[in-house]
N, C-alpha and C. Protein backbone atom coordinates (compact mmCIF):
# COMPACT_ATOMS: atom_id res chain seq x y z
N TRP A 1 15.21 -37.25 2.32
CA TRP A 1 14.78 -37.64 0.99
C TRP A 1 15.64 -38.78 0.50
N ARG A 2 16.96 -38.57 0.53
CA ARG A 2 17.86 -39.64 0.11
C ARG A 2 17.83 -40.79 1.11
N ALA A 3 17.66 -40.45 2.39
CA ALA A 3 17.66 -41.47 3.44
C ALA A 3 16.50 -42.44 3.29
N ILE A 4 15.41 -42.02 2.67
CA ILE A 4 14.27 -42.92 2.49
C ILE A 4 14.26 -43.54 1.10
N GLY A 5 15.33 -43.37 0.36
CA GLY A 5 15.45 -44.03 -0.93
C GLY A 5 14.79 -43.30 -2.08
N GLY A 6 14.57 -42.02 -1.93
CA GLY A 6 13.93 -41.27 -3.02
C GLY A 6 12.48 -41.66 -3.16
N ALA A 7 11.93 -41.38 -4.31
CA ALA A 7 10.49 -41.59 -4.52
C ALA A 7 10.13 -43.01 -4.92
N ALA A 8 11.10 -43.78 -5.33
CA ALA A 8 10.79 -45.08 -5.92
C ALA A 8 10.01 -46.00 -4.99
N ALA A 9 10.47 -46.14 -3.74
CA ALA A 9 9.86 -47.13 -2.87
C ALA A 9 9.07 -46.53 -1.72
N ALA A 10 9.25 -45.30 -1.42
CA ALA A 10 8.66 -44.70 -0.24
C ALA A 10 7.16 -44.47 -0.41
N PRO A 11 6.41 -44.70 0.66
CA PRO A 11 4.98 -44.40 0.61
C PRO A 11 4.76 -42.89 0.43
N PRO A 12 3.68 -42.50 -0.25
CA PRO A 12 3.45 -41.08 -0.55
C PRO A 12 3.41 -40.18 0.68
N ARG A 13 2.81 -40.62 1.77
CA ARG A 13 2.74 -39.74 2.95
C ARG A 13 4.11 -39.59 3.61
N LEU A 14 4.95 -40.59 3.51
CA LEU A 14 6.32 -40.44 4.00
C LEU A 14 7.05 -39.41 3.14
N LEU A 15 6.81 -39.45 1.84
CA LEU A 15 7.39 -38.46 0.95
C LEU A 15 6.88 -37.06 1.27
N LEU A 16 5.58 -36.94 1.56
CA LEU A 16 5.03 -35.63 1.94
C LEU A 16 5.73 -35.12 3.19
N GLY A 17 5.94 -36.00 4.16
CA GLY A 17 6.66 -35.61 5.37
C GLY A 17 8.07 -35.14 5.06
N ALA A 18 8.73 -35.84 4.16
CA ALA A 18 10.10 -35.45 3.75
C ALA A 18 10.07 -34.09 3.06
N ALA A 19 9.03 -33.85 2.28
CA ALA A 19 8.92 -32.55 1.60
C ALA A 19 8.72 -31.42 2.61
N VAL A 20 7.90 -31.66 3.62
CA VAL A 20 7.69 -30.65 4.65
C VAL A 20 9.00 -30.37 5.38
N VAL A 21 9.72 -31.42 5.76
CA VAL A 21 11.00 -31.24 6.45
C VAL A 21 11.97 -30.46 5.57
N ALA A 22 12.03 -30.80 4.30
CA ALA A 22 12.93 -30.08 3.38
C ALA A 22 12.52 -28.61 3.27
N ALA A 23 11.21 -28.35 3.12
CA ALA A 23 10.74 -26.97 2.99
C ALA A 23 11.02 -26.18 4.26
N LYS A 24 10.71 -26.74 5.40
CA LYS A 24 10.94 -26.05 6.67
C LYS A 24 12.43 -25.83 6.92
N GLY A 25 13.26 -26.71 6.36
CA GLY A 25 14.71 -26.58 6.49
C GLY A 25 15.32 -25.66 5.46
N GLY A 26 14.50 -25.09 4.59
CA GLY A 26 14.99 -24.16 3.58
C GLY A 26 15.46 -24.80 2.30
N ASP A 27 15.34 -26.11 2.18
CA ASP A 27 15.76 -26.80 0.95
C ASP A 27 14.54 -26.92 0.03
N LEU A 28 14.20 -25.79 -0.57
CA LEU A 28 12.98 -25.72 -1.38
C LEU A 28 13.10 -26.48 -2.68
N ALA A 29 14.30 -26.61 -3.20
CA ALA A 29 14.49 -27.39 -4.43
C ALA A 29 14.16 -28.86 -4.17
N THR A 30 14.62 -29.39 -3.05
CA THR A 30 14.31 -30.78 -2.72
C THR A 30 12.82 -30.94 -2.45
N ALA A 31 12.24 -30.00 -1.71
CA ALA A 31 10.80 -30.08 -1.43
C ALA A 31 10.01 -30.10 -2.73
N SER A 32 10.36 -29.23 -3.66
CA SER A 32 9.67 -29.18 -4.95
C SER A 32 9.87 -30.48 -5.73
N ALA A 33 11.08 -31.02 -5.68
CA ALA A 33 11.36 -32.28 -6.39
C ALA A 33 10.54 -33.43 -5.81
N ILE A 34 10.39 -33.44 -4.50
CA ILE A 34 9.59 -34.50 -3.87
C ILE A 34 8.13 -34.37 -4.29
N ILE A 35 7.60 -33.15 -4.28
CA ILE A 35 6.21 -32.94 -4.71
C ILE A 35 6.04 -33.40 -6.16
N ALA A 36 7.00 -33.06 -7.02
CA ALA A 36 6.92 -33.49 -8.42
C ALA A 36 6.95 -35.01 -8.51
N ALA A 37 7.76 -35.66 -7.68
CA ALA A 37 7.84 -37.12 -7.70
C ALA A 37 6.51 -37.75 -7.26
N ILE A 38 5.89 -37.17 -6.25
CA ILE A 38 4.59 -37.68 -5.80
C ILE A 38 3.56 -37.52 -6.91
N GLU A 39 3.54 -36.34 -7.53
CA GLU A 39 2.57 -36.10 -8.61
C GLU A 39 2.84 -36.99 -9.81
N ALA A 40 4.10 -37.31 -10.08
CA ALA A 40 4.44 -38.18 -11.21
C ALA A 40 3.91 -39.59 -11.01
N ARG A 41 3.78 -40.01 -9.77
CA ARG A 41 3.21 -41.32 -9.48
C ARG A 41 1.73 -41.37 -9.81
N GLY A 42 1.10 -40.22 -9.80
CA GLY A 42 -0.34 -40.15 -10.05
C GLY A 42 -1.11 -40.12 -8.74
N LEU A 43 -2.11 -39.27 -8.72
CA LEU A 43 -2.90 -39.09 -7.50
C LEU A 43 -4.36 -39.51 -7.69
N ARG A 44 -4.65 -40.14 -8.80
CA ARG A 44 -6.03 -40.57 -9.04
C ARG A 44 -6.46 -41.56 -7.98
N GLY A 45 -7.70 -41.40 -7.54
CA GLY A 45 -8.22 -42.30 -6.51
C GLY A 45 -7.71 -41.97 -5.12
N GLN A 46 -6.94 -40.91 -4.99
CA GLN A 46 -6.38 -40.52 -3.69
C GLN A 46 -6.66 -39.03 -3.43
N PRO A 47 -7.94 -38.66 -3.33
CA PRO A 47 -8.25 -37.23 -3.20
C PRO A 47 -7.64 -36.58 -1.97
N ASP A 48 -7.55 -37.30 -0.84
CA ASP A 48 -6.95 -36.72 0.36
C ASP A 48 -5.48 -36.40 0.12
N LEU A 49 -4.79 -37.30 -0.54
CA LEU A 49 -3.37 -37.08 -0.84
C LEU A 49 -3.21 -35.91 -1.81
N ALA A 50 -4.08 -35.83 -2.80
CA ALA A 50 -4.02 -34.71 -3.75
C ALA A 50 -4.24 -33.39 -3.03
N ASP A 51 -5.16 -33.37 -2.07
CA ASP A 51 -5.38 -32.15 -1.29
C ASP A 51 -4.13 -31.78 -0.49
N GLU A 52 -3.52 -32.75 0.13
CA GLU A 52 -2.32 -32.49 0.93
C GLU A 52 -1.17 -32.00 0.06
N VAL A 53 -1.03 -32.56 -1.12
CA VAL A 53 0.00 -32.11 -2.07
C VAL A 53 -0.27 -30.65 -2.45
N HIS A 54 -1.52 -30.32 -2.68
CA HIS A 54 -1.88 -28.94 -3.05
C HIS A 54 -1.52 -27.97 -1.92
N VAL A 55 -1.81 -28.35 -0.68
CA VAL A 55 -1.48 -27.49 0.47
C VAL A 55 0.03 -27.32 0.56
N LEU A 56 0.77 -28.39 0.41
CA LEU A 56 2.22 -28.30 0.50
C LEU A 56 2.81 -27.48 -0.64
N ASP A 57 2.24 -27.59 -1.82
CA ASP A 57 2.70 -26.77 -2.94
C ASP A 57 2.49 -25.29 -2.63
N ALA A 58 1.36 -24.94 -2.01
CA ALA A 58 1.12 -23.54 -1.63
C ALA A 58 2.13 -23.08 -0.58
N LEU A 59 2.50 -23.96 0.35
CA LEU A 59 3.50 -23.62 1.35
C LEU A 59 4.85 -23.33 0.70
N ILE A 60 5.22 -24.14 -0.27
CA ILE A 60 6.49 -23.93 -0.97
C ILE A 60 6.45 -22.60 -1.72
N ARG A 61 5.33 -22.28 -2.33
CA ARG A 61 5.20 -20.98 -3.02
C ARG A 61 5.36 -19.83 -2.04
N LEU A 62 4.78 -19.97 -0.86
CA LEU A 62 4.94 -18.93 0.16
C LEU A 62 6.42 -18.77 0.48
N TYR A 63 7.12 -19.87 0.73
CA TYR A 63 8.53 -19.81 1.08
C TYR A 63 9.38 -19.25 -0.05
N LEU A 64 8.95 -19.47 -1.29
CA LEU A 64 9.68 -18.94 -2.45
C LEU A 64 9.26 -17.51 -2.77
N ASP A 65 8.33 -16.97 -1.99
CA ASP A 65 7.79 -15.63 -2.20
C ASP A 65 7.18 -15.50 -3.59
N GLN A 66 6.47 -16.56 -3.99
CA GLN A 66 5.78 -16.57 -5.28
C GLN A 66 4.28 -16.41 -5.05
N PRO A 67 3.62 -15.69 -5.91
CA PRO A 67 2.16 -15.58 -5.75
C PRO A 67 1.50 -16.92 -6.03
N LEU A 68 0.35 -17.08 -5.45
CA LEU A 68 -0.45 -18.27 -5.70
C LEU A 68 -1.45 -17.92 -6.79
N PRO A 69 -1.44 -18.62 -7.92
CA PRO A 69 -2.40 -18.31 -8.98
C PRO A 69 -3.84 -18.35 -8.44
N ALA A 70 -4.68 -17.53 -9.02
CA ALA A 70 -6.06 -17.38 -8.54
C ALA A 70 -6.78 -18.72 -8.42
N GLU A 71 -6.63 -19.59 -9.42
CA GLU A 71 -7.33 -20.88 -9.36
C GLU A 71 -6.79 -21.75 -8.23
N ASP A 72 -5.49 -21.64 -7.93
CA ASP A 72 -4.93 -22.39 -6.81
C ASP A 72 -5.40 -21.83 -5.47
N LEU A 73 -5.53 -20.50 -5.38
CA LEU A 73 -6.06 -19.90 -4.16
C LEU A 73 -7.51 -20.30 -3.96
N ASP A 74 -8.30 -20.30 -5.01
CA ASP A 74 -9.69 -20.74 -4.91
C ASP A 74 -9.76 -22.18 -4.39
N ARG A 75 -8.90 -23.03 -4.92
CA ARG A 75 -8.89 -24.43 -4.48
C ARG A 75 -8.45 -24.53 -3.02
N LEU A 76 -7.45 -23.74 -2.65
CA LEU A 76 -6.96 -23.75 -1.27
C LEU A 76 -8.07 -23.30 -0.31
N MET A 77 -8.80 -22.25 -0.68
CA MET A 77 -9.89 -21.78 0.18
C MET A 77 -10.99 -22.82 0.27
N ALA A 78 -11.27 -23.50 -0.84
CA ALA A 78 -12.27 -24.57 -0.81
C ALA A 78 -11.80 -25.71 0.09
N LEU A 79 -10.52 -26.05 -0.03
CA LEU A 79 -9.98 -27.10 0.84
C LEU A 79 -10.09 -26.72 2.30
N ALA A 80 -9.74 -25.49 2.61
CA ALA A 80 -9.80 -25.02 4.00
C ALA A 80 -11.22 -25.09 4.54
N GLY A 81 -12.18 -24.96 3.66
CA GLY A 81 -13.57 -25.01 4.08
C GLY A 81 -14.16 -26.40 4.17
N ARG A 82 -13.52 -27.37 3.54
CA ARG A 82 -14.13 -28.70 3.50
C ARG A 82 -13.25 -29.81 4.05
N MET A 83 -12.10 -29.49 4.56
CA MET A 83 -11.17 -30.54 5.01
C MET A 83 -11.42 -30.96 6.46
N ASP A 84 -12.66 -30.88 6.91
CA ASP A 84 -12.94 -31.16 8.30
C ASP A 84 -12.52 -32.56 8.74
N GLY A 85 -12.46 -33.50 7.84
CA GLY A 85 -12.01 -34.84 8.19
C GLY A 85 -10.50 -34.99 8.15
N ALA A 86 -9.81 -33.97 7.73
CA ALA A 86 -8.35 -34.03 7.61
C ALA A 86 -7.69 -33.95 8.98
N ALA A 87 -6.44 -34.32 9.00
CA ALA A 87 -5.65 -34.18 10.23
C ALA A 87 -5.64 -32.70 10.63
N PRO A 88 -5.72 -32.42 11.93
CA PRO A 88 -5.76 -31.02 12.36
C PRO A 88 -4.60 -30.17 11.84
N VAL A 89 -3.41 -30.74 11.74
CA VAL A 89 -2.27 -29.96 11.25
C VAL A 89 -2.47 -29.60 9.78
N THR A 90 -2.98 -30.53 8.98
CA THR A 90 -3.22 -30.25 7.57
C THR A 90 -4.27 -29.16 7.42
N LEU A 91 -5.34 -29.26 8.18
CA LEU A 91 -6.39 -28.25 8.14
C LEU A 91 -5.87 -26.90 8.62
N ALA A 92 -5.07 -26.92 9.68
CA ALA A 92 -4.48 -25.68 10.20
C ALA A 92 -3.59 -25.03 9.15
N LEU A 93 -2.77 -25.83 8.49
CA LEU A 93 -1.87 -25.30 7.46
C LEU A 93 -2.66 -24.75 6.28
N ALA A 94 -3.70 -25.46 5.86
CA ALA A 94 -4.52 -24.97 4.73
C ALA A 94 -5.17 -23.64 5.06
N THR A 95 -5.75 -23.51 6.26
CA THR A 95 -6.40 -22.25 6.61
C THR A 95 -5.37 -21.15 6.86
N ASN A 96 -4.21 -21.51 7.39
CA ASN A 96 -3.12 -20.54 7.56
C ASN A 96 -2.70 -19.98 6.20
N LEU A 97 -2.50 -20.85 5.24
CA LEU A 97 -2.09 -20.42 3.90
C LEU A 97 -3.19 -19.58 3.23
N ALA A 98 -4.44 -19.96 3.44
CA ALA A 98 -5.54 -19.15 2.90
C ALA A 98 -5.51 -17.76 3.52
N ALA A 99 -5.23 -17.67 4.83
CA ALA A 99 -5.11 -16.36 5.49
C ALA A 99 -3.97 -15.56 4.88
N PHE A 100 -2.83 -16.19 4.73
CA PHE A 100 -1.66 -15.47 4.20
C PHE A 100 -1.91 -14.96 2.79
N PHE A 101 -2.37 -15.82 1.89
CA PHE A 101 -2.51 -15.42 0.49
C PHE A 101 -3.67 -14.44 0.28
N THR A 102 -4.75 -14.54 1.08
CA THR A 102 -5.81 -13.55 0.95
C THR A 102 -5.36 -12.21 1.52
N LEU A 103 -4.53 -12.24 2.55
CA LEU A 103 -3.95 -11.01 3.09
C LEU A 103 -3.08 -10.33 2.04
N GLU A 104 -2.28 -11.11 1.35
CA GLU A 104 -1.41 -10.58 0.29
C GLU A 104 -2.22 -9.90 -0.82
N LEU A 105 -3.42 -10.40 -1.06
CA LEU A 105 -4.27 -9.84 -2.11
C LEU A 105 -5.11 -8.65 -1.63
N GLY A 106 -5.03 -8.35 -0.36
CA GLY A 106 -5.78 -7.22 0.17
C GLY A 106 -7.19 -7.56 0.61
N SER A 107 -7.50 -8.83 0.74
CA SER A 107 -8.82 -9.26 1.23
C SER A 107 -8.73 -9.41 2.75
N TYR A 108 -8.69 -8.28 3.42
CA TYR A 108 -8.34 -8.26 4.84
C TYR A 108 -9.36 -8.94 5.74
N ALA A 109 -10.64 -8.71 5.52
CA ALA A 109 -11.66 -9.34 6.36
C ALA A 109 -11.61 -10.86 6.18
N LYS A 110 -11.46 -11.30 4.94
CA LYS A 110 -11.37 -12.74 4.67
C LYS A 110 -10.11 -13.32 5.31
N ALA A 111 -9.00 -12.60 5.22
CA ALA A 111 -7.74 -13.06 5.82
C ALA A 111 -7.90 -13.21 7.33
N LYS A 112 -8.57 -12.26 7.94
CA LYS A 112 -8.77 -12.34 9.39
C LYS A 112 -9.62 -13.56 9.75
N ARG A 113 -10.68 -13.80 9.00
CA ARG A 113 -11.53 -14.97 9.28
C ARG A 113 -10.73 -16.26 9.14
N TYR A 114 -9.95 -16.38 8.06
CA TYR A 114 -9.13 -17.58 7.90
C TYR A 114 -8.09 -17.69 9.01
N GLY A 115 -7.51 -16.57 9.41
CA GLY A 115 -6.53 -16.58 10.49
C GLY A 115 -7.13 -17.07 11.80
N GLU A 116 -8.31 -16.61 12.12
CA GLU A 116 -8.98 -17.04 13.34
C GLU A 116 -9.31 -18.54 13.29
N ARG A 117 -9.74 -19.00 12.14
CA ARG A 117 -10.00 -20.45 11.98
C ARG A 117 -8.72 -21.24 12.10
N ALA A 118 -7.64 -20.73 11.51
CA ALA A 118 -6.36 -21.44 11.59
C ALA A 118 -5.90 -21.57 13.03
N ILE A 119 -6.09 -20.53 13.82
CA ILE A 119 -5.73 -20.60 15.24
C ILE A 119 -6.47 -21.74 15.93
N ARG A 120 -7.77 -21.85 15.68
CA ARG A 120 -8.54 -22.95 16.29
C ARG A 120 -7.97 -24.30 15.88
N HIS A 121 -7.62 -24.44 14.60
CA HIS A 121 -7.10 -25.72 14.13
C HIS A 121 -5.70 -26.01 14.69
N PHE A 122 -4.87 -24.98 14.80
CA PHE A 122 -3.55 -25.18 15.41
C PHE A 122 -3.70 -25.59 16.88
N ARG A 123 -4.68 -25.03 17.57
CA ARG A 123 -4.93 -25.43 18.96
C ARG A 123 -5.34 -26.89 19.03
N GLU A 124 -6.22 -27.31 18.12
CA GLU A 124 -6.64 -28.72 18.07
C GLU A 124 -5.45 -29.63 17.85
N ALA A 125 -4.49 -29.17 17.06
CA ALA A 125 -3.30 -29.97 16.76
C ALA A 125 -2.21 -29.80 17.82
N ASP A 126 -2.46 -28.96 18.82
CA ASP A 126 -1.48 -28.64 19.86
C ASP A 126 -0.17 -28.15 19.23
N ALA A 127 -0.31 -27.30 18.22
CA ALA A 127 0.82 -26.73 17.49
C ALA A 127 0.96 -25.26 17.87
N GLN A 128 1.62 -25.02 18.98
CA GLN A 128 1.70 -23.68 19.55
C GLN A 128 2.39 -22.68 18.64
N PHE A 129 3.50 -23.07 18.03
CA PHE A 129 4.22 -22.15 17.17
C PHE A 129 3.33 -21.69 16.01
N GLY A 130 2.59 -22.63 15.43
CA GLY A 130 1.67 -22.29 14.35
C GLY A 130 0.63 -21.29 14.80
N GLU A 131 0.08 -21.52 16.00
CA GLU A 131 -0.92 -20.59 16.52
C GLU A 131 -0.33 -19.20 16.71
N ILE A 132 0.84 -19.12 17.30
CA ILE A 132 1.43 -17.83 17.65
C ILE A 132 1.58 -16.92 16.43
N HIS A 133 2.13 -17.44 15.36
CA HIS A 133 2.42 -16.54 14.23
C HIS A 133 1.17 -16.05 13.51
N LEU A 134 0.02 -16.73 13.70
CA LEU A 134 -1.21 -16.28 13.07
C LEU A 134 -1.67 -14.93 13.59
N TYR A 135 -1.31 -14.61 14.83
CA TYR A 135 -1.71 -13.32 15.38
C TYR A 135 -1.07 -12.16 14.61
N ALA A 136 0.08 -12.39 14.00
CA ALA A 136 0.69 -11.35 13.16
C ALA A 136 -0.17 -11.09 11.92
N HIS A 137 -0.67 -12.15 11.31
CA HIS A 137 -1.54 -11.99 10.14
C HIS A 137 -2.82 -11.26 10.51
N ILE A 138 -3.41 -11.67 11.63
CA ILE A 138 -4.66 -11.05 12.06
C ILE A 138 -4.43 -9.58 12.40
N GLY A 139 -3.34 -9.29 13.10
CA GLY A 139 -3.01 -7.91 13.43
C GLY A 139 -2.80 -7.07 12.19
N GLN A 140 -2.11 -7.64 11.20
CA GLN A 140 -1.88 -6.91 9.95
C GLN A 140 -3.21 -6.63 9.24
N ALA A 141 -4.10 -7.61 9.24
CA ALA A 141 -5.41 -7.41 8.61
C ALA A 141 -6.19 -6.32 9.34
N ASP A 142 -6.16 -6.35 10.68
CA ASP A 142 -6.87 -5.33 11.45
C ASP A 142 -6.30 -3.94 11.19
N LEU A 143 -4.98 -3.82 11.12
CA LEU A 143 -4.38 -2.52 10.81
C LEU A 143 -4.84 -2.02 9.45
N ALA A 144 -4.83 -2.91 8.46
CA ALA A 144 -5.22 -2.52 7.10
C ALA A 144 -6.69 -2.10 7.03
N MET A 145 -7.52 -2.67 7.92
CA MET A 145 -8.94 -2.32 7.93
C MET A 145 -9.22 -1.10 8.82
N GLY A 146 -8.16 -0.54 9.40
CA GLY A 146 -8.35 0.65 10.22
C GLY A 146 -8.79 0.37 11.64
N HIS A 147 -8.38 -0.78 12.19
CA HIS A 147 -8.75 -1.17 13.55
C HIS A 147 -7.49 -1.33 14.41
N PRO A 148 -6.82 -0.22 14.75
CA PRO A 148 -5.56 -0.33 15.48
C PRO A 148 -5.69 -0.97 16.86
N GLY A 149 -6.82 -0.77 17.54
CA GLY A 149 -7.02 -1.39 18.85
C GLY A 149 -7.06 -2.90 18.76
N ALA A 150 -7.77 -3.39 17.77
CA ALA A 150 -7.85 -4.84 17.57
C ALA A 150 -6.48 -5.41 17.18
N ALA A 151 -5.76 -4.67 16.34
CA ALA A 151 -4.42 -5.10 15.95
C ALA A 151 -3.51 -5.17 17.17
N ALA A 152 -3.56 -4.14 18.02
CA ALA A 152 -2.73 -4.12 19.22
C ALA A 152 -3.05 -5.31 20.12
N ALA A 153 -4.33 -5.67 20.22
CA ALA A 153 -4.71 -6.82 21.03
C ALA A 153 -4.13 -8.11 20.46
N SER A 154 -4.13 -8.26 19.14
CA SER A 154 -3.54 -9.45 18.51
C SER A 154 -2.05 -9.53 18.80
N TYR A 155 -1.36 -8.39 18.67
CA TYR A 155 0.08 -8.39 18.91
C TYR A 155 0.40 -8.63 20.39
N ARG A 156 -0.43 -8.13 21.31
CA ARG A 156 -0.23 -8.42 22.73
C ARG A 156 -0.38 -9.92 23.00
N THR A 157 -1.41 -10.50 22.41
CA THR A 157 -1.62 -11.94 22.57
C THR A 157 -0.42 -12.71 22.03
N MET A 158 0.05 -12.32 20.87
CA MET A 158 1.21 -12.97 20.27
C MET A 158 2.43 -12.87 21.19
N ARG A 159 2.68 -11.69 21.71
CA ARG A 159 3.82 -11.46 22.59
C ARG A 159 3.71 -12.31 23.85
N GLU A 160 2.52 -12.34 24.45
CA GLU A 160 2.32 -13.12 25.67
C GLU A 160 2.50 -14.61 25.42
N LEU A 161 1.96 -15.12 24.32
CA LEU A 161 2.12 -16.54 24.00
C LEU A 161 3.58 -16.89 23.72
N CYS A 162 4.29 -15.97 23.09
CA CYS A 162 5.72 -16.19 22.88
C CYS A 162 6.44 -16.35 24.21
N ARG A 163 6.17 -15.43 25.14
CA ARG A 163 6.81 -15.51 26.46
C ARG A 163 6.47 -16.82 27.16
N ARG A 164 5.19 -17.17 27.10
CA ARG A 164 4.72 -18.36 27.83
C ARG A 164 5.26 -19.65 27.23
N TRP A 165 5.21 -19.77 25.91
CA TRP A 165 5.53 -21.05 25.29
C TRP A 165 6.95 -21.15 24.73
N LEU A 166 7.52 -20.03 24.33
CA LEU A 166 8.81 -20.08 23.66
C LEU A 166 9.94 -19.47 24.48
N GLY A 167 9.62 -18.64 25.44
CA GLY A 167 10.64 -17.96 26.22
C GLY A 167 11.00 -16.62 25.62
N GLN A 168 11.80 -15.87 26.34
CA GLN A 168 12.19 -14.52 25.95
C GLN A 168 13.15 -14.53 24.75
N GLY A 169 13.14 -13.42 24.01
CA GLY A 169 14.13 -13.20 22.97
C GLY A 169 13.90 -13.94 21.66
N ARG A 170 12.71 -14.40 21.42
CA ARG A 170 12.42 -15.11 20.16
C ARG A 170 12.02 -14.12 19.07
N HIS A 171 12.28 -14.51 17.82
CA HIS A 171 11.97 -13.60 16.71
C HIS A 171 10.48 -13.29 16.61
N LEU A 172 9.63 -14.24 16.93
CA LEU A 172 8.19 -13.95 16.88
C LEU A 172 7.81 -12.89 17.91
N GLN A 173 8.49 -12.90 19.03
CA GLN A 173 8.21 -11.89 20.04
C GLN A 173 8.61 -10.50 19.52
N ALA A 174 9.70 -10.44 18.78
CA ALA A 174 10.13 -9.16 18.20
C ALA A 174 9.11 -8.64 17.19
N ILE A 175 8.50 -9.52 16.44
CA ILE A 175 7.48 -9.11 15.48
C ILE A 175 6.29 -8.49 16.20
N ALA A 176 5.95 -9.04 17.35
CA ALA A 176 4.78 -8.60 18.11
C ALA A 176 5.02 -7.32 18.88
N THR A 177 6.25 -6.88 18.94
CA THR A 177 6.57 -5.70 19.75
C THR A 177 6.41 -4.41 18.98
């Protein structure tokens, strides 16, 4: 964030990238500040950028363990359904977040559908780590719906993909066990 000169001169998508790096690195205050700086510049005439900012804001809320307001979840689900022209990673993240937040609300069938879509988008983006963790969401949804066999299959897939792509002893593999 500081290395790119703050918000004054940096292009908005570079700032979005900096916000993602900050969020993934656990610096949620910086990620939130970057999002606020992007929004302060104004997003009129830039609907794709506004959508990406909305997705990133939902990611930060997830990391902060904050609920997503109903209107924001509705927008996120709409984005996940219409962002077909978006970059595969953006679409994967939007559908992943829709899966997570609908799961949190107890909409298990919907969460599973979003999770399965997110897996397809993560595959398109060749984002293996993103794909792997979605099986935990799908397994959780299946358990909540009373489908232990389907849940076990999701966790087996997760465990196998962890071994294949990440190696032994990873935290995602422990979740799947």
